[in-house]
Amino acid sequence: MIASKTRESEAHTTTDHEVIRDWAEERGGRPATVRATEEDGHAGILRIDFGPKDEGLDRISWDEFFRKFDESELAFLYQDETGEGKPSRFHKFVRRSSAG
């Protein structure tokens, strides 16, 4: 795992499916894809949908989410807590090659 600073809180990068799923579900997040980017029934740009449901997103299974995540060679950059010590929802998807 790679650590970097994000504001005053530490950010982490991972490709571990269990870590990503646990982090998202602990915050009420569900796997989703941006509807306008889906192709031939396959997931497009990935998102974590925290609700209320965004009409531009389609929820997908974790299996489909991770299939696209791995095919796209992504890594998950995330923050556990804010600078104030509260659970953070800060995250983004980055290319594995640029994650260090």
C-alpha atoms as a PDB file:
ATOM      1  CA  MET A   1       0.000   0.000   0.000  1.00  0.00           C
ATOM      2  CA  ILE A   2       1.253   3.482  -0.876  1.00  0.00           C
ATOM      3  CA  ALA A   3       0.624   6.407   1.484  1.00  0.00           C
ATOM      4  CA  SER A   4       0.532  10.078   0.589  1.00  0.00           C
ATOM      5  CA  LYS A   5      -0.716  13.271   2.206  1.00  0.00           C
ATOM      6  CA  THR A   6      -4.130  14.668   1.358  1.00  0.00           C
ATOM      7  CA  ARG A   7      -4.779  17.904   3.209  1.00  0.00           C
ATOM      8  CA  GLU A   8      -3.956  17.083   6.822  1.00  0.00           C
ATOM      9  CA  SER A   9      -5.069  13.455   6.628  1.00  0.00           C
ATOM     10  CA  GLU A  10      -3.304  10.466   5.220  1.00  0.00           C
ATOM     11  CA  ALA A  11      -4.469   8.919   1.957  1.00  0.00           C
ATOM     12  CA  HIS A  12      -3.851   5.328   0.908  1.00  0.00           C
ATOM     13  CA  THR A  13      -3.796   3.568  -2.429  1.00  0.00           C
ATOM     14  CA  THR A  14      -4.859  -0.049  -2.897  1.00  0.00           C
ATOM     15  CA  THR A  15      -5.977  -2.582  -5.462  1.00  0.00           C
ATOM     16  CA  ASP A  16      -7.277  -5.004  -2.797  1.00  0.00           C
ATOM     17  CA  HIS A  17     -10.936  -5.737  -3.591  1.00  0.00           C
ATOM     18  CA  GLU A  18     -11.839  -6.527   0.020  1.00  0.00           C
ATOM     19  CA  VAL A  19     -10.334  -3.269   1.329  1.00  0.00           C
ATOM     20  CA  ILE A  20     -12.222  -1.250  -1.309  1.00  0.00           C
ATOM     21  CA  ARG A  21     -15.530  -3.012  -0.715  1.00  0.00           C
ATOM     22  CA  ASP A  22     -15.265  -2.734   3.080  1.00  0.00           C
ATOM     23  CA  TRP A  23     -14.329   0.964   2.887  1.00  0.00           C
ATOM     24  CA  ALA A  24     -17.282   1.755   0.597  1.00  0.00           C
ATOM     25  CA  GLU A  25     -19.877  -0.304   2.488  1.00  0.00           C
ATOM     26  CA  GLU A  26     -18.821   1.152   5.863  1.00  0.00           C
ATOM     27  CA  ARG A  27     -19.805   4.530   4.411  1.00  0.00           C
ATOM     28  CA  GLY A  28     -23.030   3.363   2.762  1.00  0.00           C
ATOM     29  CA  GLY A  29     -21.485   3.239  -0.715  1.00  0.00           C
ATOM     30  CA  ARG A  30     -22.499   0.885  -3.506  1.00  0.00           C
ATOM     31  CA  PRO A  31     -20.718   0.099  -6.788  1.00  0.00           C
ATOM     32  CA  ALA A  32     -21.976   2.017  -9.797  1.00  0.00           C
ATOM     33  CA  THR A  33     -21.135   3.023 -13.331  1.00  0.00           C
ATOM     34  CA  VAL A  34     -21.815   6.289 -15.162  1.00  0.00           C
ATOM     35  CA  ARG A  35     -24.829   5.491 -17.354  1.00  0.00           C
ATOM     36  CA  ALA A  36     -23.702   7.590 -20.337  1.00  0.00           C
ATOM     37  CA  THR A  37     -20.397   5.675 -20.548  1.00  0.00           C
ATOM     38  CA  GLU A  38     -21.748   2.114 -20.588  1.00  0.00           C
ATOM     39  CA  GLU A  39     -21.103   0.125 -23.768  1.00  0.00           C
ATOM     40  CA  ASP A  40     -22.920  -2.986 -24.964  1.00  0.00           C
ATOM     41  CA  GLY A  41     -24.064  -3.831 -21.445  1.00  0.00           C
ATOM     42  CA  HIS A  42     -20.580  -3.419 -19.967  1.00  0.00           C
ATOM     43  CA  ALA A  43     -19.693  -1.035 -17.139  1.00  0.00           C
ATOM     44  CA  GLY A  44     -18.299   2.333 -18.143  1.00  0.00           C
ATOM     45  CA  ILE A  45     -16.661   4.832 -15.812  1.00  0.00           C
ATOM     46  CA  LEU A  46     -16.752   3.485 -12.266  1.00  0.00           C
ATOM     47  CA  ARG A  47     -18.143   5.334  -9.262  1.00  0.00           C
ATOM     48  CA  ILE A  48     -19.080   4.643  -5.659  1.00  0.00           C
ATOM     49  CA  ASP A  49     -22.696   5.780  -5.148  1.00  0.00           C
ATOM     50  CA  PHE A  50     -23.308   6.972  -1.586  1.00  0.00           C
ATOM     51  CA  GLY A  51     -26.910   8.040  -2.158  1.00  0.00           C
ATOM     52  CA  PRO A  52     -29.315   9.453  -2.470  1.00  0.00           C
ATOM     53  CA  LYS A  53     -29.248   7.618  -5.778  1.00  0.00           C
ATOM     54  CA  ASP A  54     -27.772   9.688  -8.575  1.00  0.00           C
ATOM     55  CA  GLU A  55     -29.947   9.357 -11.691  1.00  0.00           C
ATOM     56  CA  GLY A  56     -26.832   9.464 -13.892  1.00  0.00           C
ATOM     57  CA  LEU A  57     -25.484   6.303 -12.258  1.00  0.00           C
ATOM     58  CA  ASP A  58     -26.480   2.665 -12.566  1.00  0.00           C
ATOM     59  CA  ARG A  59     -25.695   0.417  -9.645  1.00  0.00           C
ATOM     60  CA  ILE A  60     -23.801  -2.735 -10.577  1.00  0.00           C
ATOM     61  CA  SER A  61     -22.625  -5.832  -8.726  1.00  0.00           C
ATOM     62  CA  TRP A  62     -19.313  -5.870  -6.924  1.00  0.00           C
ATOM     63  CA  ASP A  63     -18.205  -8.650  -9.324  1.00  0.00           C
ATOM     64  CA  GLU A  64     -18.868  -6.452 -12.355  1.00  0.00           C
ATOM     65  CA  PHE A  65     -17.302  -3.453 -10.608  1.00  0.00           C
ATOM     66  CA  PHE A  66     -14.063  -5.314  -9.867  1.00  0.00           C
ATOM     67  CA  ARG A  67     -13.945  -6.901 -13.322  1.00  0.00           C
ATOM     68  CA  LYS A  68     -13.948  -3.410 -14.863  1.00  0.00           C
ATOM     69  CA  PHE A  69     -11.575  -2.108 -12.146  1.00  0.00           C
ATOM     70  CA  ASP A  70      -8.994  -4.790 -12.975  1.00  0.00           C
ATOM     71  CA  GLU A  71      -9.466  -4.615 -16.766  1.00  0.00           C
ATOM     72  CA  SER A  72      -8.877  -0.859 -16.606  1.00  0.00           C
ATOM     73  CA  GLU A  73      -5.792  -1.351 -14.405  1.00  0.00           C
ATOM     74  CA  LEU A  74      -7.094   1.047 -11.774  1.00  0.00           C
ATOM     75  CA  ALA A  75      -6.041   1.631  -8.188  1.00  0.00           C
ATOM     76  CA  PHE A  76      -8.214   3.110  -5.440  1.00  0.00           C
ATOM     77  CA  LEU A  77      -6.947   6.235  -3.665  1.00  0.00           C
ATOM     78  CA  TYR A  78      -8.872   6.828  -0.448  1.00  0.00           C
ATOM     79  CA  GLN A  79      -8.872   8.545   2.914  1.00  0.00           C
ATOM     80  CA  ASP A  80     -10.075   6.814   6.095  1.00  0.00           C
ATOM     81  CA  GLU A  81     -10.661   9.935   8.186  1.00  0.00           C
ATOM     82  CA  THR A  82     -10.914  13.667   7.687  1.00  0.00           C
ATOM     83  CA  GLY A  83      -8.486  16.022   9.382  1.00  0.00           C
ATOM     84  CA  GLU A  84     -11.068  16.261  12.175  1.00  0.00           C
ATOM     85  CA  GLY A  85     -11.059  12.490  12.688  1.00  0.00           C
ATOM     86  CA  LYS A  86     -14.468  11.827  11.104  1.00  0.00           C
ATOM     87  CA  PRO A  87     -15.039   9.067   8.511  1.00  0.00           C
ATOM     88  CA  SER A  88     -14.068  10.388   5.090  1.00  0.00           C
ATOM     89  CA  ARG A  89     -15.679   9.625   1.741  1.00  0.00           C
ATOM     90  CA  PHE A  90     -12.764  11.085  -0.187  1.00  0.00           C
ATOM     91  CA  HIS A  91     -11.687   8.687  -2.908  1.00  0.00           C
ATOM     92  CA  LYS A  92     -10.757   8.553  -6.555  1.00  0.00           C
ATOM     93  CA  PHE A  93      -9.701   6.032  -9.116  1.00  0.00           C
ATOM     94  CA  VAL A  94      -6.183   6.362 -10.486  1.00  0.00           C
ATOM     95  CA  ARG A  95      -4.129   4.374 -12.953  1.00  0.00           C
ATOM     96  CA  ARG A  96      -2.040   1.683 -11.309  1.00  0.00           C
ATOM     97  CA  SER A  97       0.987   2.855 -13.277  1.00  0.00           C
ATOM     98  CA  SER A  98       0.774   6.314 -11.668  1.00  0.00           C
ATOM     99  CA  ALA A  99       0.030   5.030  -8.155  1.00  0.00           C
ATOM    100  CA  GLY A 100       3.718   4.445  -7.482  1.00  0.00           C
END
